Amino acid sequence: MGRDAVAAFARWMRVSEADIAGQMGLEPPLTPALVGAAVVRILTDAACAGEVGFRITADGAQPMSAVG
C-alpha cells in the first residue's frame, strides 16, 4: 500500500497514518532489498512451491495460508 493510499485511508477512518501503518503491518516500510530477498526465497525455497500467494513484510514472505 503506497503512502497516498495510507493517507487517504487514514483520513477516511479518521485515525492517524501511523495507526493505519501499524495495523496493516506496514512498519517498518519495505525496501527494494527486502522485497527482492523475499521474492528470491519464494522462487527458490521448495517449501514455497505449493503456495498460491504470499504476504511480504519486513519480516519476510509469509504464505497466505498461514496468515490469520
N, C-alpha and C. Protein backbone atom coordinates (compact mmCIF):
# COMPACT_ATOMS: atom_id res chain seq x y z
N MET A 1 0.86 -1.16 0.00
CA MET A 1 0.00 0.00 0.00
C MET A 1 0.91 1.23 0.00
N GLY A 2 0.68 2.15 -0.91
CA GLY A 2 1.51 3.34 -1.02
C GLY A 2 1.13 4.42 -0.01
N ARG A 3 2.00 5.41 0.09
CA ARG A 3 1.78 6.49 1.05
C ARG A 3 0.47 7.22 0.82
N ASP A 4 0.15 7.49 -0.45
CA ASP A 4 -1.10 8.19 -0.74
C ASP A 4 -2.31 7.38 -0.30
N ALA A 5 -2.26 6.08 -0.52
CA ALA A 5 -3.36 5.22 -0.11
C ALA A 5 -3.49 5.17 1.41
N VAL A 6 -2.37 5.10 2.11
CA VAL A 6 -2.39 5.10 3.57
C VAL A 6 -2.98 6.42 4.07
N ALA A 7 -2.54 7.52 3.49
CA ALA A 7 -3.05 8.84 3.91
C ALA A 7 -4.55 8.95 3.67
N ALA A 8 -5.01 8.51 2.50
CA ALA A 8 -6.44 8.59 2.18
C ALA A 8 -7.26 7.69 3.11
N PHE A 9 -6.77 6.49 3.35
CA PHE A 9 -7.49 5.57 4.22
C PHE A 9 -7.54 6.11 5.65
N ALA A 10 -6.43 6.68 6.12
CA ALA A 10 -6.39 7.26 7.46
C ALA A 10 -7.40 8.41 7.59
N ARG A 11 -7.46 9.26 6.56
CA ARG A 11 -8.46 10.35 6.59
C ARG A 11 -9.87 9.78 6.64
N TRP A 12 -10.14 8.77 5.82
CA TRP A 12 -11.45 8.16 5.76
C TRP A 12 -11.84 7.53 7.11
N MET A 13 -10.86 6.88 7.75
CA MET A 13 -11.10 6.22 9.05
C MET A 13 -11.02 7.19 10.23
N ARG A 14 -10.54 8.40 9.95
CA ARG A 14 -10.36 9.43 10.99
C ARG A 14 -9.39 8.97 12.08
N VAL A 15 -8.28 8.39 11.63
CA VAL A 15 -7.19 7.99 12.52
C VAL A 15 -5.88 8.46 11.90
N SER A 16 -4.80 8.31 12.63
CA SER A 16 -3.50 8.76 12.11
C SER A 16 -2.95 7.76 11.09
N GLU A 17 -2.08 8.26 10.25
CA GLU A 17 -1.41 7.39 9.28
C GLU A 17 -0.58 6.32 10.00
N ALA A 18 0.02 6.70 11.13
CA ALA A 18 0.81 5.74 11.90
C ALA A 18 -0.07 4.59 12.41
N ASP A 19 -1.30 4.91 12.81
CA ASP A 19 -2.21 3.86 13.26
C ASP A 19 -2.51 2.87 12.13
N ILE A 20 -2.78 3.39 10.95
CA ILE A 20 -3.08 2.53 9.80
C ILE A 20 -1.86 1.69 9.46
N ALA A 21 -0.70 2.30 9.41
CA ALA A 21 0.53 1.58 9.07
C ALA A 21 0.79 0.47 10.08
N GLY A 22 0.58 0.76 11.35
CA GLY A 22 0.79 -0.25 12.38
C GLY A 22 -0.19 -1.40 12.29
N GLN A 23 -1.46 -1.08 12.06
CA GLN A 23 -2.50 -2.10 11.97
C GLN A 23 -2.33 -3.00 10.76
N MET A 24 -1.79 -2.45 9.69
CA MET A 24 -1.67 -3.22 8.45
C MET A 24 -0.29 -3.85 8.28
N GLY A 25 0.56 -3.72 9.27
CA GLY A 25 1.88 -4.32 9.18
C GLY A 25 2.80 -3.63 8.19
N LEU A 26 2.62 -2.32 8.04
CA LEU A 26 3.41 -1.56 7.07
C LEU A 26 4.65 -0.92 7.68
N GLU A 27 4.89 -1.16 8.95
CA GLU A 27 6.07 -0.62 9.62
C GLU A 27 6.96 -1.75 10.04
N PRO A 28 8.23 -1.70 9.84
CA PRO A 28 8.96 -0.70 9.07
C PRO A 28 8.63 -0.85 7.59
N PRO A 29 8.82 0.22 6.83
CA PRO A 29 8.49 0.17 5.41
C PRO A 29 9.35 -0.83 4.65
N LEU A 30 8.76 -1.39 3.60
CA LEU A 30 9.51 -2.32 2.75
C LEU A 30 10.50 -1.56 1.88
N THR A 31 11.65 -2.14 1.69
CA THR A 31 12.66 -1.58 0.80
C THR A 31 12.80 -2.52 -0.39
N PRO A 32 13.38 -2.05 -1.48
CA PRO A 32 13.61 -2.95 -2.61
C PRO A 32 14.43 -4.19 -2.21
N ALA A 33 15.37 -4.02 -1.30
CA ALA A 33 16.19 -5.15 -0.87
C ALA A 33 15.37 -6.19 -0.12
N LEU A 34 14.46 -5.75 0.75
CA LEU A 34 13.61 -6.68 1.48
C LEU A 34 12.67 -7.45 0.54
N VAL A 35 12.06 -6.74 -0.39
CA VAL A 35 11.16 -7.38 -1.34
C VAL A 35 11.94 -8.34 -2.23
N GLY A 36 13.10 -7.92 -2.70
CA GLY A 36 13.92 -8.79 -3.54
C GLY A 36 14.31 -10.07 -2.84
N ALA A 37 14.73 -9.97 -1.58
CA ALA A 37 15.10 -11.16 -0.82
C ALA A 37 13.90 -12.08 -0.63
N ALA A 38 12.73 -11.51 -0.39
CA ALA A 38 11.53 -12.33 -0.22
C ALA A 38 11.17 -13.04 -1.52
N VAL A 39 11.25 -12.34 -2.64
CA VAL A 39 10.93 -12.95 -3.93
C VAL A 39 11.92 -14.07 -4.26
N VAL A 40 13.19 -13.86 -4.00
CA VAL A 40 14.19 -14.91 -4.25
C VAL A 40 13.86 -16.14 -3.41
N ARG A 41 13.49 -15.93 -2.14
CA ARG A 41 13.14 -17.07 -1.29
C ARG A 41 11.91 -17.79 -1.84
N ILE A 42 10.90 -17.06 -2.25
CA ILE A 42 9.68 -17.67 -2.78
C ILE A 42 10.00 -18.53 -4.01
N LEU A 43 10.89 -18.03 -4.86
CA LEU A 43 11.21 -18.73 -6.10
C LEU A 43 12.19 -19.88 -5.94
N THR A 44 12.95 -19.89 -4.85
CA THR A 44 13.99 -20.91 -4.72
C THR A 44 13.76 -21.90 -3.58
N ASP A 45 12.88 -21.59 -2.64
CA ASP A 45 12.65 -22.47 -1.49
C ASP A 45 11.56 -23.49 -1.86
N ALA A 46 11.91 -24.76 -1.84
CA ALA A 46 10.96 -25.81 -2.21
C ALA A 46 9.73 -25.80 -1.30
N ALA A 47 9.86 -25.33 -0.07
CA ALA A 47 8.72 -25.28 0.85
C ALA A 47 7.65 -24.30 0.37
N CYS A 48 8.00 -23.39 -0.50
CA CYS A 48 7.06 -22.39 -1.02
C CYS A 48 6.32 -22.87 -2.27
N ALA A 49 6.71 -23.99 -2.81
CA ALA A 49 6.20 -24.44 -4.11
C ALA A 49 4.69 -24.64 -4.14
N GLY A 50 4.10 -25.11 -3.08
CA GLY A 50 2.67 -25.39 -3.08
C GLY A 50 1.79 -24.21 -2.72
N GLU A 51 2.40 -23.09 -2.43
CA GLU A 51 1.63 -21.90 -2.02
C GLU A 51 1.19 -21.09 -3.22
N VAL A 52 0.03 -20.47 -3.10
CA VAL A 52 -0.52 -19.67 -4.19
C VAL A 52 -0.20 -18.19 -4.00
N GLY A 53 -0.21 -17.71 -2.76
CA GLY A 53 0.01 -16.29 -2.50
C GLY A 53 0.85 -16.09 -1.26
N PHE A 54 1.48 -14.92 -1.21
CA PHE A 54 2.36 -14.59 -0.09
C PHE A 54 2.11 -13.16 0.36
N ARG A 55 2.30 -12.90 1.64
CA ARG A 55 2.30 -11.55 2.19
C ARG A 55 3.75 -11.22 2.50
N ILE A 56 4.23 -10.13 1.94
CA ILE A 56 5.61 -9.72 2.16
C ILE A 56 5.63 -8.54 3.11
N THR A 57 6.34 -8.73 4.22
CA THR A 57 6.53 -7.66 5.21
C THR A 57 8.02 -7.54 5.47
N ALA A 58 8.38 -6.66 6.38
CA ALA A 58 9.79 -6.51 6.74
C ALA A 58 10.35 -7.78 7.36
N ASP A 59 9.46 -8.67 7.85
CA ASP A 59 9.89 -9.93 8.42
C ASP A 59 10.10 -11.02 7.37
N GLY A 60 9.78 -10.71 6.11
CA GLY A 60 9.95 -11.68 5.03
C GLY A 60 8.62 -12.05 4.41
N ALA A 61 8.63 -13.16 3.68
CA ALA A 61 7.43 -13.64 2.98
C ALA A 61 6.72 -14.68 3.84
N GLN A 62 5.42 -14.49 3.99
CA GLN A 62 4.59 -15.46 4.70
C GLN A 62 3.55 -15.99 3.73
N PRO A 63 3.38 -17.31 3.68
CA PRO A 63 2.33 -17.86 2.82
C PRO A 63 0.97 -17.37 3.31
N MET A 64 0.09 -17.04 2.38
CA MET A 64 -1.25 -16.57 2.76
C MET A 64 -2.01 -17.63 3.53
N SER A 65 -1.69 -18.90 3.31
CA SER A 65 -2.36 -19.96 4.06
C SER A 65 -2.01 -19.90 5.55
N ALA A 66 -0.92 -19.23 5.90
CA ALA A 66 -0.51 -19.10 7.30
C ALA A 66 -0.90 -17.77 7.92
N VAL A 67 -1.40 -16.83 7.10
CA VAL A 67 -1.77 -15.52 7.61
C VAL A 67 -3.19 -15.61 8.15
N GLY A 68 -3.35 -15.20 9.42
CA GLY A 68 -4.67 -15.28 10.08
C GLY A 68 -5.50 -14.19 9.67
